[in-house]
PDB file of N, CA and C in Angstrom:
ATOM      1  N   MET A   1     155.711 163.827 202.313  1.00  0.00           N
ATOM      2  CA  MET A   1     156.144 162.441 202.358  1.00  0.00           C
ATOM      3  C   MET A   1     154.941 161.559 202.654  1.00  0.00           C
ATOM      4  N   ASN A   2     154.877 160.474 201.993  1.00  0.00           N
ATOM      5  CA  ASN A   2     153.815 159.504 202.220  1.00  0.00           C
ATOM      6  C   ASN A   2     154.229 158.604 203.387  1.00  0.00           C
ATOM      7  N   LEU A   3     153.722 158.905 204.570  1.00  0.00           N
ATOM      8  CA  LEU A   3     154.113 158.151 205.762  1.00  0.00           C
ATOM      9  C   LEU A   3     153.642 156.708 205.721  1.00  0.00           C
ATOM     10  N   LYS A   4     152.621 156.422 204.916  1.00  0.00           N
ATOM     11  CA  LYS A   4     152.117 155.054 204.823  1.00  0.00           C
ATOM     12  C   LYS A   4     153.178 154.113 204.254  1.00  0.00           C
ATOM     13  N   LYS A   5     154.079 154.647 203.433  1.00  0.00           N
ATOM     14  CA  LYS A   5     155.153 153.813 202.889  1.00  0.00           C
ATOM     15  C   LYS A   5     156.151 153.429 203.977  1.00  0.00           C
ATOM     16  N   VAL A   6     156.356 154.325 204.948  1.00  0.00           N
ATOM     17  CA  VAL A   6     157.292 154.059 206.030  1.00  0.00           C
ATOM     18  C   VAL A   6     156.615 153.281 207.157  1.00  0.00           C
ATOM     19  N   TYR A   7     155.365 153.664 207.451  1.00  0.00           N
ATOM     20  CA  TYR A   7     154.590 153.028 208.522  1.00  0.00           C
ATOM     21  C   TYR A   7     153.308 152.448 207.935  1.00  0.00           C
ATOM     22  N   PRO A   8     153.336 151.227 207.438  1.00  0.00           N
ATOM     23  CA  PRO A   8     152.159 150.661 206.766  1.00  0.00           C
ATOM     24  C   PRO A   8     150.950 150.469 207.677  1.00  0.00           C
ATOM     25  N   GLN A   9     151.114 150.576 208.989  1.00  0.00           N
ATOM     26  CA  GLN A   9     149.987 150.405 209.889  1.00  0.00           C
ATOM     27  C   GLN A   9     149.098 151.646 209.977  1.00  0.00           C
ATOM     28  N   ILE A  10     149.524 152.772 209.381  1.00  0.00           N
ATOM     29  CA  ILE A  10     148.709 153.986 209.371  1.00  0.00           C
ATOM     30  C   ILE A  10     147.477 153.726 208.491  1.00  0.00           C
ATOM     31  N   PRO A  11     146.282 153.975 209.018  1.00  0.00           N
ATOM     32  CA  PRO A  11     145.068 153.777 208.224  1.00  0.00           C
ATOM     33  C   PRO A  11     145.033 154.714 207.011  1.00  0.00           C
ATOM     34  N   GLU A  12     144.361 154.284 205.972  1.00  0.00           N
ATOM     35  CA  GLU A  12     144.305 155.051 204.725  1.00  0.00           C
ATOM     36  C   GLU A  12     143.694 156.439 204.929  1.00  0.00           C
ATOM     37  N   GLY A  13     142.646 156.532 205.730  1.00  0.00           N
ATOM     38  CA  GLY A  13     141.997 157.824 205.962  1.00  0.00           C
ATOM     39  C   GLY A  13     142.921 158.823 206.629  1.00  0.00           C
ATOM     40  N   LEU A  14     143.665 158.380 207.624  1.00  0.00           N
ATOM     41  CA  LEU A  14     144.606 159.268 208.306  1.00  0.00           C
ATOM     42  C   LEU A  14     145.743 159.655 207.372  1.00  0.00           C
ATOM     43  N   ASN A  15     146.193 158.731 206.567  1.00  0.00           N
ATOM     44  CA  ASN A  15     147.250 159.035 205.603  1.00  0.00           C
ATOM     45  C   ASN A  15     146.786 160.099 204.607  1.00  0.00           C
ATOM     46  N   ARG A  16     145.538 160.020 204.187  1.00  0.00           N
ATOM     47  CA  ARG A  16     144.991 161.008 203.251  1.00  0.00           C
ATOM     48  C   ARG A  16     145.002 162.399 203.881  1.00  0.00           C
ATOM     49  N   VAL A  17     144.646 162.498 205.172  1.00  0.00           N
ATOM     50  CA  VAL A  17     144.674 163.784 205.868  1.00  0.00           C
ATOM     51  C   VAL A  17     146.104 164.297 205.943  1.00  0.00           C
ATOM     52  N   LEU A  18     147.033 163.445 206.320  1.00  0.00           N
ATOM     53  CA  LEU A  18     148.432 163.860 206.456  1.00  0.00           C
ATOM     54  C   LEU A  18     149.034 164.299 205.126  1.00  0.00           C
ATOM     55  N   MET A  19     148.603 163.686 204.037  1.00  0.00           N
ATOM     56  CA  MET A  19     149.138 164.046 202.719  1.00  0.00           C
ATOM     57  C   MET A  19     148.778 165.483 202.329  1.00  0.00           C
ATOM     58  N   HIS A  20     147.687 166.017 202.884  1.00  0.00           N
ATOM     59  CA  HIS A  20     147.323 167.406 202.612  1.00  0.00           C
ATOM     60  C   HIS A  20     148.352 168.380 203.186  1.00  0.00           C
ATOM     61  N   PHE A  21     149.130 167.939 204.173  1.00  0.00           N
ATOM     62  CA  PHE A  21     150.091 168.812 204.844  1.00  0.00           C
ATOM     63  C   PHE A  21     151.535 168.500 204.470  1.00  0.00           C
ATOM     64  N   SER A  22     151.733 167.602 203.516  1.00  0.00           N
ATOM     65  CA  SER A  22     153.094 167.253 203.124  1.00  0.00           C
ATOM     66  C   SER A  22     153.669 168.304 202.183  1.00  0.00           C
ATOM     67  N   ALA A  23     154.973 168.327 202.112  1.00  0.00           N
ATOM     68  CA  ALA A  23     155.648 169.264 201.213  1.00  0.00           C
ATOM     69  C   ALA A  23     155.298 168.911 199.771  1.00  0.00           C
ATOM     70  N   GLY A  24     154.975 169.897 199.007  1.00  0.00           N
ATOM     71  CA  GLY A  24     154.644 169.680 197.611  1.00  0.00           C
ATOM     72  C   GLY A  24     153.214 169.230 197.380  1.00  0.00           C
ATOM     73  N   ALA A  25     152.374 169.339 198.399  1.00  0.00           N
ATOM     74  CA  ALA A  25     150.970 168.939 198.246  1.00  0.00           C
ATOM     75  C   ALA A  25     150.285 169.839 197.225  1.00  0.00           C
ATOM     76  N   THR A  26     149.466 169.226 196.390  1.00  0.00           N
ATOM     77  CA  THR A  26     148.732 169.996 195.385  1.00  0.00           C
ATOM     78  C   THR A  26     147.273 170.180 195.773  1.00  0.00           C
ATOM     79  N   VAL A  27     146.833 169.477 196.801  1.00  0.00           N
ATOM     80  CA  VAL A  27     145.459 169.572 197.273  1.00  0.00           C
ATOM     81  C   VAL A  27     145.482 170.129 198.685  1.00  0.00           C
ATOM     82  N   PHE A  28     144.653 171.132 198.921  1.00  0.00           N
ATOM     83  CA  PHE A  28     144.600 171.760 200.229  1.00  0.00           C
ATOM     84  C   PHE A  28     143.166 171.759 200.736  1.00  0.00           C
ATOM     85  N   TYR A  29     143.013 171.890 202.041  1.00  0.00           N
ATOM     86  CA  TYR A  29     141.681 172.038 202.621  1.00  0.00           C
ATOM     87  C   TYR A  29     141.230 173.477 202.440  1.00  0.00           C
ATOM     88  N   GLU A  30     140.039 173.646 201.889  1.00  0.00           N
ATOM     89  CA  GLU A  30     139.486 174.986 201.698  1.00  0.00           C
ATOM     90  C   GLU A  30     138.905 175.527 202.998  1.00  0.00           C
ATOM     91  N   THR A  31     138.331 174.641 203.821  1.00  0.00           N
ATOM     92  CA  THR A  31     137.713 175.058 205.078  1.00  0.00           C
ATOM     93  C   THR A  31     138.104 174.090 206.185  1.00  0.00           C
ATOM     94  N   VAL A  32     137.918 174.544 207.402  1.00  0.00           N
ATOM     95  CA  VAL A  32     138.160 173.695 208.560  1.00  0.00           C
ATOM     96  C   VAL A  32     137.171 172.547 208.567  1.00  0.00           C
ATOM     97  N   TRP A  33     135.970 172.779 208.073  1.00  0.00           N
ATOM     98  CA  TRP A  33     134.933 171.731 208.064  1.00  0.00           C
ATOM     99  C   TRP A  33     135.345 170.552 207.199  1.00  0.00           C
ATOM    100  N   GLU A  34     136.014 170.819 206.094  1.00  0.00           N
ATOM    101  CA  GLU A  34     136.516 169.726 205.245  1.00  0.00           C
ATOM    102  C   GLU A  34     137.537 168.888 206.011  1.00  0.00           C
ATOM    103  N   LEU A  35     138.422 169.560 206.726  1.00  0.00           N
ATOM    104  CA  LEU A  35     139.421 168.860 207.528  1.00  0.00           C
ATOM    105  C   LEU A  35     138.740 168.024 208.613  1.00  0.00           C
ATOM    106  N   LEU A  36     137.764 168.599 209.286  1.00  0.00           N
ATOM    107  CA  LEU A  36     137.057 167.875 210.339  1.00  0.00           C
ATOM    108  C   LEU A  36     136.326 166.645 209.797  1.00  0.00           C
ATOM    109  N   GLU A  37     135.718 166.770 208.634  1.00  0.00           N
ATOM    110  CA  GLU A  37     135.026 165.624 208.026  1.00  0.00           C
ATOM    111  C   GLU A  37     136.013 164.485 207.765  1.00  0.00           C
ATOM    112  N   ASP A  38     137.160 164.823 207.196  1.00  0.00           N
ATOM    113  CA  ASP A  38     138.167 163.794 206.919  1.00  0.00           C
ATOM    114  C   ASP A  38     138.721 163.186 208.202  1.00  0.00           C
ATOM    115  N   LEU A  39     138.897 164.017 209.234  1.00  0.00           N
ATOM    116  CA  LEU A  39     139.395 163.499 210.510  1.00  0.00           C
ATOM    117  C   LEU A  39     138.369 162.576 211.170  1.00  0.00           C
ATOM    118  N   GLU A  40     137.092 162.903 211.035  1.00  0.00           N
ATOM    119  CA  GLU A  40     136.054 162.038 211.587  1.00  0.00           C
ATOM    120  C   GLU A  40     136.063 160.672 210.888  1.00  0.00           C
ATOM    121  N   GLU A  41     136.242 160.684 209.577  1.00  0.00           N
ATOM    122  CA  GLU A  41     136.317 159.419 208.832  1.00  0.00           C
ATOM    123  C   GLU A  41     137.550 158.621 209.252  1.00  0.00           C
ATOM    124  N   ALA A  42     138.676 159.314 209.422  1.00  0.00           N
ATOM    125  CA  ALA A  42     139.909 158.640 209.828  1.00  0.00           C
ATOM    126  C   ALA A  42     139.759 158.067 211.229  1.00  0.00           C
ATOM    127  N   ARG A  43     139.101 158.794 212.097  1.00  0.00           N
ATOM    128  CA  ARG A  43     138.880 158.309 213.460  1.00  0.00           C
ATOM    129  C   ARG A  43     137.991 157.072 213.468  1.00  0.00           C
ATOM    130  N   ALA A  44     137.006 157.050 212.607  1.00  0.00           N
ATOM    131  CA  ALA A  44     136.108 155.904 212.530  1.00  0.00           C
ATOM    132  C   ALA A  44     136.864 154.637 212.092  1.00  0.00           C
ATOM    133  N   ASP A  45     137.926 154.818 211.318  1.00  0.00           N
ATOM    134  CA  ASP A  45     138.727 153.668 210.849  1.00  0.00           C
ATOM    135  C   ASP A  45     139.632 153.091 211.925  1.00  0.00           C
ATOM    136  N   LEU A  46     139.866 153.867 212.992  1.00  0.00           N
ATOM    137  CA  LEU A  46     140.756 153.390 214.057  1.00  0.00           C
ATOM    138  C   LEU A  46     140.049 152.431 214.914  1.00  0.00           C
TER     139      LEU A  46
END
């Protein structure tokens, strides 16, 4: 589920991370480092 549609205050970077874990996701994190990089970017947006 795209939580940004329900909660528009969610930053785009965090929404992108959450979309990787949604049901029916077609894109997955290959490594933990990829996840950490995206989380660092999302944190910077907060």
